[in-house]
């Protein structure tokens, strides 16, 4: 049986990074680290430890579909039986990011609803 693959969003951040470090010790998963900037030193360090690094953003649905290797018609989940894409996803969101980008609470909410 081949190893399962987990996609970890925010792999170079605090929360995602801690998940990646724990999974590297576990060794029962292939790890796909998802980050917005694959050129960061943190991304390169993870790659050196065997983590597959992929660029995607939670604000760009198409980039996420590609990172998860999902077909447009299979947005929610691909089962391990079909051996495509990832079998698990660890996701975090930066709720405050839009506030710090100058958006008001309502503008940030409307962006999230769209």
PDB file of N, CA and C in Angstrom:
ATOM      1  N   UNK A   1       0.845  -1.190   0.000  1.00  0.00           N
ATOM      2  CA  UNK A   1       0.000   0.000   0.000  1.00  0.00           C
ATOM      3  C   UNK A   1       0.882   1.242   0.000  1.00  0.00           C
ATOM      4  N   UNK A   2       0.583   2.168  -0.891  1.00  0.00           N
ATOM      5  CA  UNK A   2       1.376   3.387  -0.950  1.00  0.00           C
ATOM      6  C   UNK A   2       0.978   4.326   0.179  1.00  0.00           C
ATOM      7  N   UNK A   3       1.913   5.217   0.512  1.00  0.00           N
ATOM      8  CA  UNK A   3       1.629   6.180   1.573  1.00  0.00           C
ATOM      9  C   UNK A   3       0.556   7.162   1.128  1.00  0.00           C
ATOM     10  N   UNK A   4      -0.201   7.614   2.097  1.00  0.00           N
ATOM     11  CA  UNK A   4      -1.208   8.647   1.851  1.00  0.00           C
ATOM     12  C   UNK A   4      -0.510  10.001   1.789  1.00  0.00           C
ATOM     13  N   UNK A   5      -1.184  10.943   1.172  1.00  0.00           N
ATOM     14  CA  UNK A   5      -0.639  12.297   1.059  1.00  0.00           C
ATOM     15  C   UNK A   5      -1.548  13.256   1.802  1.00  0.00           C
ATOM     16  N   UNK A   6      -0.919  14.115   2.612  1.00  0.00           N
ATOM     17  CA  UNK A   6      -1.649  15.172   3.303  1.00  0.00           C
ATOM     18  C   UNK A   6      -1.136  16.511   2.797  1.00  0.00           C
ATOM     19  N   UNK A   7      -2.056  17.408   2.528  1.00  0.00           N
ATOM     20  CA  UNK A   7      -1.714  18.777   2.146  1.00  0.00           C
ATOM     21  C   UNK A   7      -1.819  19.643   3.398  1.00  0.00           C
ATOM     22  N   UNK A   8      -0.779  20.411   3.659  1.00  0.00           N
ATOM     23  CA  UNK A   8      -0.753  21.283   4.835  1.00  0.00           C
ATOM     24  C   UNK A   8      -0.675  22.723   4.360  1.00  0.00           C
ATOM     25  N   UNK A   9      -1.776  23.450   4.524  1.00  0.00           N
ATOM     26  CA  UNK A   9      -1.777  24.863   4.173  1.00  0.00           C
ATOM     27  C   UNK A   9      -1.006  25.638   5.230  1.00  0.00           C
ATOM     28  N   UNK A  10      -0.306  26.669   4.792  1.00  0.00           N
ATOM     29  CA  UNK A  10       0.478  27.466   5.735  1.00  0.00           C
ATOM     30  C   UNK A  10       1.659  26.694   6.283  1.00  0.00           C
ATOM     31  N   UNK A  11       2.264  25.848   5.451  1.00  0.00           N
ATOM     32  CA  UNK A  11       3.333  24.959   5.902  1.00  0.00           C
ATOM     33  C   UNK A  11       4.541  25.709   6.449  1.00  0.00           C
ATOM     34  N   UNK A  12       4.758  26.938   6.022  1.00  0.00           N
ATOM     35  CA  UNK A  12       5.900  27.708   6.507  1.00  0.00           C
ATOM     36  C   UNK A  12       5.539  28.598   7.686  1.00  0.00           C
ATOM     37  N   UNK A  13       4.277  28.563   8.094  1.00  0.00           N
ATOM     38  CA  UNK A  13       3.825  29.380   9.220  1.00  0.00           C
ATOM     39  C   UNK A  13       3.918  28.636  10.541  1.00  0.00           C
ATOM     40  N   UNK A  14       3.422  29.257  11.576  1.00  0.00           N
ATOM     41  CA  UNK A  14       3.499  28.692  12.920  1.00  0.00           C
ATOM     42  C   UNK A  14       2.630  27.436  13.045  1.00  0.00           C
ATOM     43  N   UNK A  15       1.349  27.540  12.721  1.00  0.00           N
ATOM     44  CA  UNK A  15       0.453  26.395  12.894  1.00  0.00           C
ATOM     45  C   UNK A  15       0.732  25.290  11.881  1.00  0.00           C
ATOM     46  N   UNK A  16       0.769  25.649  10.609  1.00  0.00           N
ATOM     47  CA  UNK A  16       1.046  24.647   9.583  1.00  0.00           C
ATOM     48  C   UNK A  16       2.421  24.033   9.754  1.00  0.00           C
ATOM     49  N   UNK A  17       3.378  24.858  10.139  1.00  0.00           N
ATOM     50  CA  UNK A  17       4.743  24.367  10.356  1.00  0.00           C
ATOM     51  C   UNK A  17       4.823  23.334  11.463  1.00  0.00           C
ATOM     52  N   UNK A  18       4.054  23.536  12.529  1.00  0.00           N
ATOM     53  CA  UNK A  18       4.076  22.560  13.620  1.00  0.00           C
ATOM     54  C   UNK A  18       3.458  21.237  13.181  1.00  0.00           C
ATOM     55  N   UNK A  19       2.442  21.308  12.324  1.00  0.00           N
ATOM     56  CA  UNK A  19       1.827  20.090  11.785  1.00  0.00           C
ATOM     57  C   UNK A  19       2.834  19.357  10.894  1.00  0.00           C
ATOM     58  N   UNK A  20       3.538  20.093  10.046  1.00  0.00           N
ATOM     59  CA  UNK A  20       4.542  19.480   9.178  1.00  0.00           C
ATOM     60  C   UNK A  20       5.628  18.802  10.016  1.00  0.00           C
ATOM     61  N   UNK A  21       6.125  19.479  11.047  1.00  0.00           N
ATOM     62  CA  UNK A  21       7.180  18.890  11.890  1.00  0.00           C
ATOM     63  C   UNK A  21       6.706  17.602  12.557  1.00  0.00           C
ATOM     64  N   UNK A  22       5.472  17.586  13.028  1.00  0.00           N
ATOM     65  CA  UNK A  22       4.928  16.373  13.655  1.00  0.00           C
ATOM     66  C   UNK A  22       4.799  15.247  12.634  1.00  0.00           C
ATOM     67  N   UNK A  23       4.338  15.579  11.427  1.00  0.00           N
ATOM     68  CA  UNK A  23       4.177  14.559  10.389  1.00  0.00           C
ATOM     69  C   UNK A  23       5.520  14.037   9.891  1.00  0.00           C
ATOM     70  N   UNK A  24       6.547  14.884   9.882  1.00  0.00           N
ATOM     71  CA  UNK A  24       7.871  14.417   9.487  1.00  0.00           C
ATOM     72  C   UNK A  24       8.383  13.348  10.457  1.00  0.00           C
ATOM     73  N   UNK A  25       8.042  13.470  11.725  1.00  0.00           N
ATOM     74  CA  UNK A  25       8.433  12.459  12.723  1.00  0.00           C
ATOM     75  C   UNK A  25       7.624  11.180  12.550  1.00  0.00           C
ATOM     76  N   UNK A  26       6.374  11.310  12.129  1.00  0.00           N
ATOM     77  CA  UNK A  26       5.466  10.175  11.983  1.00  0.00           C
ATOM     78  C   UNK A  26       5.882   9.259  10.829  1.00  0.00           C
ATOM     79  N   UNK A  27       6.268   9.818   9.724  1.00  0.00           N
ATOM     80  CA  UNK A  27       6.738   9.119   8.532  1.00  0.00           C
ATOM     81  C   UNK A  27       5.711   8.245   7.821  1.00  0.00           C
ATOM     82  N   UNK A  28       4.442   8.306   8.210  1.00  0.00           N
ATOM     83  CA  UNK A  28       3.436   7.499   7.523  1.00  0.00           C
ATOM     84  C   UNK A  28       2.680   8.291   6.457  1.00  0.00           C
ATOM     85  N   UNK A  29       3.054   9.553   6.267  1.00  0.00           N
ATOM     86  CA  UNK A  29       2.397  10.411   5.286  1.00  0.00           C
ATOM     87  C   UNK A  29       3.424  11.007   4.331  1.00  0.00           C
ATOM     88  N   UNK A  30       3.034  11.161   3.076  1.00  0.00           N
ATOM     89  CA  UNK A  30       3.745  12.063   2.169  1.00  0.00           C
ATOM     90  C   UNK A  30       3.175  13.436   2.483  1.00  0.00           C
ATOM     91  N   UNK A  31       4.034  14.429   2.611  1.00  0.00           N
ATOM     92  CA  UNK A  31       3.573  15.764   3.006  1.00  0.00           C
ATOM     93  C   UNK A  31       3.706  16.723   1.830  1.00  0.00           C
ATOM     94  N   UNK A  32       2.604  17.370   1.499  1.00  0.00           N
ATOM     95  CA  UNK A  32       2.597  18.418   0.492  1.00  0.00           C
ATOM     96  C   UNK A  32       2.400  19.736   1.236  1.00  0.00           C
ATOM     97  N   UNK A  33       3.455  20.511   1.361  1.00  0.00           N
ATOM     98  CA  UNK A  33       3.394  21.793   2.046  1.00  0.00           C
ATOM     99  C   UNK A  33       2.927  22.877   1.104  1.00  0.00           C
ATOM    100  N   UNK A  34       1.885  23.566   1.490  1.00  0.00           N
ATOM    101  CA  UNK A  34       1.331  24.617   0.638  1.00  0.00           C
ATOM    102  C   UNK A  34       1.654  25.971   1.256  1.00  0.00           C
ATOM    103  N   UNK A  35       2.242  26.837   0.445  1.00  0.00           N
ATOM    104  CA  UNK A  35       2.635  28.168   0.885  1.00  0.00           C
ATOM    105  C   UNK A  35       2.443  29.138  -0.270  1.00  0.00           C
ATOM    106  N   UNK A  36       2.290  30.403   0.038  1.00  0.00           N
ATOM    107  CA  UNK A  36       2.131  31.390  -1.031  1.00  0.00           C
ATOM    108  C   UNK A  36       3.453  31.684  -1.729  1.00  0.00           C
ATOM    109  N   UNK A  37       4.565  31.545  -0.994  1.00  0.00           N
ATOM    110  CA  UNK A  37       5.868  31.913  -1.547  1.00  0.00           C
ATOM    111  C   UNK A  37       6.848  30.749  -1.397  1.00  0.00           C
ATOM    112  N   UNK A  38       7.030  30.017  -2.484  1.00  0.00           N
ATOM    113  CA  UNK A  38       7.915  28.842  -2.442  1.00  0.00           C
ATOM    114  C   UNK A  38       9.394  29.217  -2.435  1.00  0.00           C
ATOM    115  N   UNK A  39       9.703  30.502  -2.614  1.00  0.00           N
ATOM    116  CA  UNK A  39      11.107  30.921  -2.613  1.00  0.00           C
ATOM    117  C   UNK A  39      11.623  31.262  -1.215  1.00  0.00           C
ATOM    118  N   UNK A  40      10.743  31.262  -0.211  1.00  0.00           N
ATOM    119  CA  UNK A  40      11.162  31.561   1.161  1.00  0.00           C
ATOM    120  C   UNK A  40      12.168  30.524   1.664  1.00  0.00           C
ATOM    121  N   UNK A  41      13.047  30.977   2.544  1.00  0.00           N
ATOM    122  CA  UNK A  41      14.015  30.054   3.152  1.00  0.00           C
ATOM    123  C   UNK A  41      13.301  28.922   3.883  1.00  0.00           C
ATOM    124  N   UNK A  42      12.196  29.236   4.540  1.00  0.00           N
ATOM    125  CA  UNK A  42      11.453  28.212   5.289  1.00  0.00           C
ATOM    126  C   UNK A  42      10.914  27.134   4.352  1.00  0.00           C
ATOM    127  N   UNK A  43      10.456  27.532   3.173  1.00  0.00           N
ATOM    128  CA  UNK A  43       9.943  26.572   2.195  1.00  0.00           C
ATOM    129  C   UNK A  43      11.077  25.692   1.679  1.00  0.00           C
ATOM    130  N   UNK A  44      12.220  26.300   1.402  1.00  0.00           N
ATOM    131  CA  UNK A  44      13.366  25.539   0.919  1.00  0.00           C
ATOM    132  C   UNK A  44      13.875  24.563   1.989  1.00  0.00           C
ATOM    133  N   UNK A  45      13.820  24.974   3.251  1.00  0.00           N
ATOM    134  CA  UNK A  45      14.248  24.094   4.339  1.00  0.00           C
ATOM    135  C   UNK A  45      13.333  22.871   4.434  1.00  0.00           C
ATOM    136  N   UNK A  46      12.028  23.100   4.307  1.00  0.00           N
ATOM    137  CA  UNK A  46      11.086  21.973   4.346  1.00  0.00           C
ATOM    138  C   UNK A  46      11.305  21.040   3.160  1.00  0.00           C
ATOM    139  N   UNK A  47      11.564  21.630   2.008  1.00  0.00           N
ATOM    140  CA  UNK A  47      11.822  20.828   0.814  1.00  0.00           C
ATOM    141  C   UNK A  47      13.051  19.939   1.024  1.00  0.00           C
ATOM    142  N   UNK A  48      14.053  20.487   1.698  1.00  0.00           N
ATOM    143  CA  UNK A  48      15.259  19.731   2.010  1.00  0.00           C
ATOM    144  C   UNK A  48      15.011  18.564   2.956  1.00  0.00           C
ATOM    145  N   UNK A  49      13.882  18.623   3.674  1.00  0.00           N
ATOM    146  CA  UNK A  49      13.519  17.535   4.597  1.00  0.00           C
ATOM    147  C   UNK A  49      12.567  16.536   3.948  1.00  0.00           C
ATOM    148  N   UNK A  50      12.308  16.709   2.656  1.00  0.00           N
ATOM    149  CA  UNK A  50      11.462  15.762   1.945  1.00  0.00           C
ATOM    150  C   UNK A  50      10.021  16.181   1.759  1.00  0.00           C
ATOM    151  N   UNK A  51       9.691  17.413   2.134  1.00  0.00           N
ATOM    152  CA  UNK A  51       8.324  17.919   1.967  1.00  0.00           C
ATOM    153  C   UNK A  51       8.178  18.442   0.539  1.00  0.00           C
ATOM    154  N   UNK A  52       7.115  18.034  -0.139  1.00  0.00           N
ATOM    155  CA  UNK A  52       6.815  18.572  -1.462  1.00  0.00           C
ATOM    156  C   UNK A  52       6.216  19.961  -1.255  1.00  0.00           C
ATOM    157  N   UNK A  53       6.849  20.980  -1.804  1.00  0.00           N
ATOM    158  CA  UNK A  53       6.386  22.355  -1.619  1.00  0.00           C
ATOM    159  C   UNK A  53       5.633  22.813  -2.866  1.00  0.00           C
ATOM    160  N   UNK A  54       4.413  23.344  -2.641  1.00  0.00           N
ATOM    161  CA  UNK A  54       3.540  23.787  -3.721  1.00  0.00           C
ATOM    162  C   UNK A  54       3.050  25.196  -3.397  1.00  0.00           C
ATOM    163  N   UNK A  55       2.947  26.026  -4.426  1.00  0.00           N
ATOM    164  CA  UNK A  55       2.454  27.383  -4.244  1.00  0.00           C
ATOM    165  C   UNK A  55       0.940  27.423  -4.442  1.00  0.00           C
ATOM    166  N   UNK A  56       0.241  28.015  -3.484  1.00  0.00           N
ATOM    167  CA  UNK A  56      -1.208  28.228  -3.587  1.00  0.00           C
ATOM    168  C   UNK A  56      -1.603  29.268  -2.549  1.00  0.00           C
ATOM    169  N   UNK A  57      -2.784  29.842  -2.743  1.00  0.00           N
ATOM    170  CA  UNK A  57      -3.301  30.844  -1.817  1.00  0.00           C
ATOM    171  C   UNK A  57      -4.749  30.522  -1.480  1.00  0.00           C
ATOM    172  N   UNK A  58      -5.133  30.731  -0.224  1.00  0.00           N
ATOM    173  CA  UNK A  58      -6.524  30.472   0.152  1.00  0.00           C
ATOM    174  C   UNK A  58      -7.477  31.450  -0.527  1.00  0.00           C
ATOM    175  N   UNK A  59      -6.953  32.521  -1.091  1.00  0.00           N
ATOM    176  CA  UNK A  59      -7.773  33.484  -1.812  1.00  0.00           C
ATOM    177  C   UNK A  59      -7.894  33.152  -3.296  1.00  0.00           C
ATOM    178  N   UNK A  60      -7.318  32.028  -3.727  1.00  0.00           N
ATOM    179  CA  UNK A  60      -7.327  31.643  -5.136  1.00  0.00           C
ATOM    180  C   UNK A  60      -7.750  30.176  -5.253  1.00  0.00           C
ATOM    181  N   UNK A  61      -9.044  29.969  -5.504  1.00  0.00           N
ATOM    182  CA  UNK A  61      -9.600  28.615  -5.533  1.00  0.00           C
ATOM    183  C   UNK A  61      -8.880  27.717  -6.539  1.00  0.00           C
ATOM    184  N   UNK A  62      -8.585  28.234  -7.723  1.00  0.00           N
ATOM    185  CA  UNK A  62      -7.923  27.411  -8.741  1.00  0.00           C
ATOM    186  C   UNK A  62      -6.561  26.926  -8.267  1.00  0.00           C
ATOM    187  N   UNK A  63      -5.817  27.793  -7.578  1.00  0.00           N
ATOM    188  CA  UNK A  63      -4.502  27.373  -7.093  1.00  0.00           C
ATOM    189  C   UNK A  63      -4.636  26.259  -6.060  1.00  0.00           C
ATOM    190  N   UNK A  64      -5.701  26.316  -5.244  1.00  0.00           N
ATOM    191  CA  UNK A  64      -5.933  25.256  -4.258  1.00  0.00           C
ATOM    192  C   UNK A  64      -6.316  23.947  -4.934  1.00  0.00           C
ATOM    193  N   UNK A  65      -7.191  24.023  -5.927  1.00  0.00           N
ATOM    194  CA  UNK A  65      -7.578  22.811  -6.652  1.00  0.00           C
ATOM    195  C   UNK A  65      -6.346  22.144  -7.266  1.00  0.00           C
ATOM    196  N   UNK A  66      -5.463  22.942  -7.828  1.00  0.00           N
ATOM    197  CA  UNK A  66      -4.238  22.390  -8.399  1.00  0.00           C
ATOM    198  C   UNK A  66      -3.345  21.808  -7.316  1.00  0.00           C
ATOM    199  N   UNK A  67      -3.224  22.502  -6.194  1.00  0.00           N
ATOM    200  CA  UNK A  67      -2.376  22.019  -5.112  1.00  0.00           C
ATOM    201  C   UNK A  67      -2.886  20.698  -4.539  1.00  0.00           C
ATOM    202  N   UNK A  68      -4.196  20.543  -4.526  1.00  0.00           N
ATOM    203  CA  UNK A  68      -4.779  19.302  -4.019  1.00  0.00           C
ATOM    204  C   UNK A  68      -4.908  18.252  -5.120  1.00  0.00           C
ATOM    205  N   UNK A  69      -4.570  18.630  -6.356  1.00  0.00           N
ATOM    206  CA  UNK A  69      -4.719  17.774  -7.534  1.00  0.00           C
ATOM    207  C   UNK A  69      -6.151  17.290  -7.681  1.00  0.00           C
ATOM    208  N   UNK A  70      -7.078  18.223  -7.547  1.00  0.00           N
ATOM    209  CA  UNK A  70      -8.491  17.899  -7.668  1.00  0.00           C
ATOM    210  C   UNK A  70      -9.002  18.349  -9.019  1.00  0.00           C
ATOM    211  N   UNK A  71      -9.955  17.629  -9.523  1.00  0.00           N
ATOM    212  CA  UNK A  71     -10.653  18.050 -10.722  1.00  0.00           C
ATOM    213  C   UNK A  71     -11.738  19.035 -10.302  1.00  0.00           C
ATOM    214  N   UNK A  72     -12.091  19.938 -11.174  1.00  0.00           N
ATOM    215  CA  UNK A  72     -13.098  20.959 -10.875  1.00  0.00           C
ATOM    216  C   UNK A  72     -14.387  20.340 -10.342  1.00  0.00           C
ATOM    217  N   UNK A  73     -14.768  19.194 -10.876  1.00  0.00           N
ATOM    218  CA  UNK A  73     -16.026  18.570 -10.472  1.00  0.00           C
ATOM    219  C   UNK A  73     -15.923  17.796  -9.160  1.00  0.00           C
ATOM    220  N   UNK A  74     -14.716  17.713  -8.586  1.00  0.00           N
ATOM    221  CA  UNK A  74     -14.529  16.928  -7.360  1.00  0.00           C
ATOM    222  C   UNK A  74     -13.971  17.828  -6.266  1.00  0.00           C
ATOM    223  N   UNK A  75     -14.651  18.899  -5.960  1.00  0.00           N
ATOM    224  CA  UNK A  75     -14.109  19.918  -5.075  1.00  0.00           C
ATOM    225  C   UNK A  75     -13.948  19.494  -3.627  1.00  0.00           C
ATOM    226  N   UNK A  76     -14.806  18.639  -3.126  1.00  0.00           N
ATOM    227  CA  UNK A  76     -14.796  18.388  -1.693  1.00  0.00           C
ATOM    228  C   UNK A  76     -13.735  17.393  -1.250  1.00  0.00           C
ATOM    229  N   UNK A  77     -13.673  16.248  -1.881  1.00  0.00           N
ATOM    230  CA  UNK A  77     -12.814  15.217  -1.328  1.00  0.00           C
ATOM    231  C   UNK A  77     -12.561  14.129  -2.349  1.00  0.00           C
ATOM    232  N   UNK A  78     -11.356  13.671  -2.415  1.00  0.00           N
ATOM    233  CA  UNK A  78     -11.017  12.515  -3.238  1.00  0.00           C
ATOM    234  C   UNK A  78     -10.673  11.374  -2.296  1.00  0.00           C
ATOM    235  N   UNK A  79     -11.254  10.244  -2.491  1.00  0.00           N
ATOM    236  CA  UNK A  79     -11.030   9.128  -1.580  1.00  0.00           C
ATOM    237  C   UNK A  79      -9.693   8.466  -1.853  1.00  0.00           C
ATOM    238  N   UNK A  80      -9.085   7.836  -0.838  1.00  0.00           N
ATOM    239  CA  UNK A  80      -7.819   7.143  -1.044  1.00  0.00           C
ATOM    240  C   UNK A  80      -7.927   6.030  -2.084  1.00  0.00           C
ATOM    241  N   UNK A  81      -9.110   5.466  -2.276  1.00  0.00           N
ATOM    242  CA  UNK A  81      -9.262   4.346  -3.205  1.00  0.00           C
ATOM    243  C   UNK A  81      -8.920   4.727  -4.635  1.00  0.00           C
ATOM    244  N   UNK A  82      -9.226   5.962  -5.033  1.00  0.00           N
ATOM    245  CA  UNK A  82      -8.968   6.317  -6.423  1.00  0.00           C
ATOM    246  C   UNK A  82      -7.535   6.797  -6.641  1.00  0.00           C
ATOM    247  N   UNK A  83      -6.780   6.909  -5.544  1.00  0.00           N
ATOM    248  CA  UNK A  83      -5.344   7.184  -5.595  1.00  0.00           C
ATOM    249  C   UNK A  83      -5.011   8.473  -6.349  1.00  0.00           C
ATOM    250  N   UNK A  84      -5.892   9.440  -6.294  1.00  0.00           N
ATOM    251  CA  UNK A  84      -5.646  10.741  -6.902  1.00  0.00           C
ATOM    252  C   UNK A  84      -5.655  11.792  -5.815  1.00  0.00           C
ATOM    253  N   UNK A  85      -4.897  12.830  -6.030  1.00  0.00           N
ATOM    254  CA  UNK A  85      -4.940  13.950  -5.108  1.00  0.00           C
ATOM    255  C   UNK A  85      -4.496  13.599  -3.706  1.00  0.00           C
ATOM    256  N   UNK A  86      -4.897  14.425  -2.783  1.00  0.00           N
ATOM    257  CA  UNK A  86      -4.524  14.230  -1.391  1.00  0.00           C
ATOM    258  C   UNK A  86      -5.645  13.513  -0.650  1.00  0.00           C
ATOM    259  N   UNK A  87      -5.281  12.812   0.406  1.00  0.00           N
ATOM    260  CA  UNK A  87      -6.278  12.112   1.197  1.00  0.00           C
ATOM    261  C   UNK A  87      -6.669  12.877   2.459  1.00  0.00           C
ATOM    262  N   UNK A  88      -5.887  13.886   2.815  1.00  0.00           N
ATOM    263  CA  UNK A  88      -6.203  14.699   3.986  1.00  0.00           C
ATOM    264  C   UNK A  88      -5.691  16.118   3.755  1.00  0.00           C
ATOM    265  N   UNK A  89      -6.364  17.068   4.385  1.00  0.00           N
ATOM    266  CA  UNK A  89      -5.977  18.471   4.263  1.00  0.00           C
ATOM    267  C   UNK A  89      -5.983  19.089   5.649  1.00  0.00           C
ATOM    268  N   UNK A  90      -4.865  19.727   6.034  1.00  0.00           N
ATOM    269  CA  UNK A  90      -4.831  20.545   7.243  1.00  0.00           C
ATOM    270  C   UNK A  90      -4.908  21.987   6.774  1.00  0.00           C
ATOM    271  N   UNK A  91      -5.924  22.700   7.220  1.00  0.00           N
ATOM    272  CA  UNK A  91      -6.121  24.064   6.742  1.00  0.00           C
ATOM    273  C   UNK A  91      -6.239  25.041   7.902  1.00  0.00           C
ATOM    274  N   UNK A  92      -5.618  26.175   7.725  1.00  0.00           N
ATOM    275  CA  UNK A  92      -5.767  27.300   8.645  1.00  0.00           C
ATOM    276  C   UNK A  92      -6.074  28.512   7.793  1.00  0.00           C
ATOM    277  N   UNK A  93      -6.725  29.474   8.364  1.00  0.00           N
ATOM    278  CA  UNK A  93      -6.955  30.722   7.652  1.00  0.00           C
ATOM    279  C   UNK A  93      -6.403  31.866   8.478  1.00  0.00           C
ATOM    280  N   UNK A  94      -5.966  32.872   7.803  1.00  0.00           N
ATOM    281  CA  UNK A  94      -5.493  34.075   8.467  1.00  0.00           C
ATOM    282  C   UNK A  94      -6.662  35.059   8.498  1.00  0.00           C
ATOM    283  N   UNK A  95      -7.539  34.877   9.469  1.00  0.00           N
ATOM    284  CA  UNK A  95      -8.754  35.677   9.579  1.00  0.00           C
ATOM    285  C   UNK A  95      -8.454  37.175   9.571  1.00  0.00           C
ATOM    286  N   UNK A  96      -7.372  37.583  10.222  1.00  0.00           N
ATOM    287  CA  UNK A  96      -7.081  39.003  10.400  1.00  0.00           C
ATOM    288  C   UNK A  96      -6.406  39.639   9.193  1.00  0.00           C
ATOM    289  N   UNK A  97      -5.953  38.842   8.246  1.00  0.00           N
ATOM    290  CA  UNK A  97      -5.179  39.375   7.126  1.00  0.00           C
ATOM    291  C   UNK A  97      -5.897  40.506   6.393  1.00  0.00           C
ATOM    292  N   UNK A  98      -7.171  40.343   6.117  1.00  0.00           N
ATOM    293  CA  UNK A  98      -7.893  41.361   5.364  1.00  0.00           C
ATOM    294  C   UNK A  98      -8.026  42.662   6.156  1.00  0.00           C
ATOM    295  N   UNK A  99      -8.098  42.560   7.457  1.00  0.00           N
ATOM    296  CA  UNK A  99      -8.181  43.769   8.273  1.00  0.00           C
ATOM    297  C   UNK A  99      -6.885  44.573   8.179  1.00  0.00           C
ATOM    298  N   UNK A 100      -5.763  43.861   8.144  1.00  0.00           N
ATOM    299  CA  UNK A 100      -4.478  44.544   8.086  1.00  0.00           C
ATOM    300  C   UNK A 100      -4.146  45.038   6.681  1.00  0.00           C
ATOM    301  N   UNK A 101      -4.930  44.630   5.706  1.00  0.00           N
ATOM    302  CA  UNK A 101      -4.728  45.092   4.333  1.00  0.00           C
ATOM    303  C   UNK A 101      -5.586  46.321   4.051  1.00  0.00           C
ATOM    304  N   UNK A 102      -6.175  46.904   5.080  1.00  0.00           N
ATOM    305  CA  UNK A 102      -6.941  48.124   4.918  1.00  0.00           C
ATOM    306  C   UNK A 102      -8.425  47.917   4.683  1.00  0.00           C
ATOM    307  N   UNK A 103      -8.874  46.669   4.697  1.00  0.00           N
ATOM    308  CA  UNK A 103     -10.294  46.410   4.495  1.00  0.00           C
ATOM    309  C   UNK A 103     -11.049  46.638   5.796  1.00  0.00           C
ATOM    310  N   UNK A 104     -12.258  47.116   5.681  1.00  0.00           N
ATOM    311  CA  UNK A 104     -13.106  47.228   6.854  1.00  0.00           C
ATOM    312  C   UNK A 104     -13.665  45.851   7.180  1.00  0.00           C
ATOM    313  N   UNK A 105     -14.304  45.726   8.329  1.00  0.00           N
ATOM    314  CA  UNK A 105     -14.909  44.451   8.713  1.00  0.00           C
ATOM    315  C   UNK A 105     -15.930  43.995   7.681  1.00  0.00           C
ATOM    316  N   UNK A 106     -16.755  44.928   7.192  1.00  0.00           N
ATOM    317  CA  UNK A 106     -17.771  44.567   6.190  1.00  0.00           C
ATOM    318  C   UNK A 106     -17.138  44.190   4.864  1.00  0.00           C
ATOM    319  N   UNK A 107     -16.107  44.918   4.448  1.00  0.00           N
ATOM    320  CA  UNK A 107     -15.425  44.565   3.197  1.00  0.00           C
ATOM    321  C   UNK A 107     -14.770  43.194   3.313  1.00  0.00           C
ATOM    322  N   UNK A 108     -14.151  42.914   4.443  1.00  0.00           N
ATOM    323  CA  UNK A 108     -13.527  41.609   4.651  1.00  0.00           C
ATOM    324  C   UNK A 108     -14.586  40.509   4.641  1.00  0.00           C
ATOM    325  N   UNK A 109     -15.722  40.763   5.312  1.00  0.00           N
ATOM    326  CA  UNK A 109     -16.805  39.781   5.324  1.00  0.00           C
ATOM    327  C   UNK A 109     -17.338  39.522   3.917  1.00  0.00           C
ATOM    328  N   UNK A 110     -17.562  40.595   3.162  1.00  0.00           N
ATOM    329  CA  UNK A 110     -18.080  40.446   1.810  1.00  0.00           C
ATOM    330  C   UNK A 110     -17.103  39.680   0.924  1.00  0.00           C
ATOM    331  N   UNK A 111     -15.826  39.900   1.107  1.00  0.00           N
ATOM    332  CA  UNK A 111     -14.827  39.173   0.329  1.00  0.00           C
ATOM    333  C   UNK A 111     -14.877  37.697   0.658  1.00  0.00           C
ATOM    334  N   UNK A 112     -15.058  37.351   1.927  1.00  0.00           N
ATOM    335  CA  UNK A 112     -15.118  35.955   2.335  1.00  0.00           C
ATOM    336  C   UNK A 112     -16.392  35.279   1.844  1.00  0.00           C
ATOM    337  N   UNK A 113     -17.492  36.031   1.733  1.00  0.00           N
ATOM    338  CA  UNK A 113     -18.764  35.465   1.287  1.00  0.00           C
ATOM    339  C   UNK A 113     -18.723  35.173  -0.206  1.00  0.00           C
ATOM    340  N   UNK A 114     -18.050  36.009  -0.995  1.00  0.00           N
ATOM    341  CA  UNK A 114     -17.986  35.832  -2.465  1.00  0.00           C
ATOM    342  C   UNK A 114     -17.367  34.562  -2.860  1.00  0.00           C
TER     343      UNK A 114
END
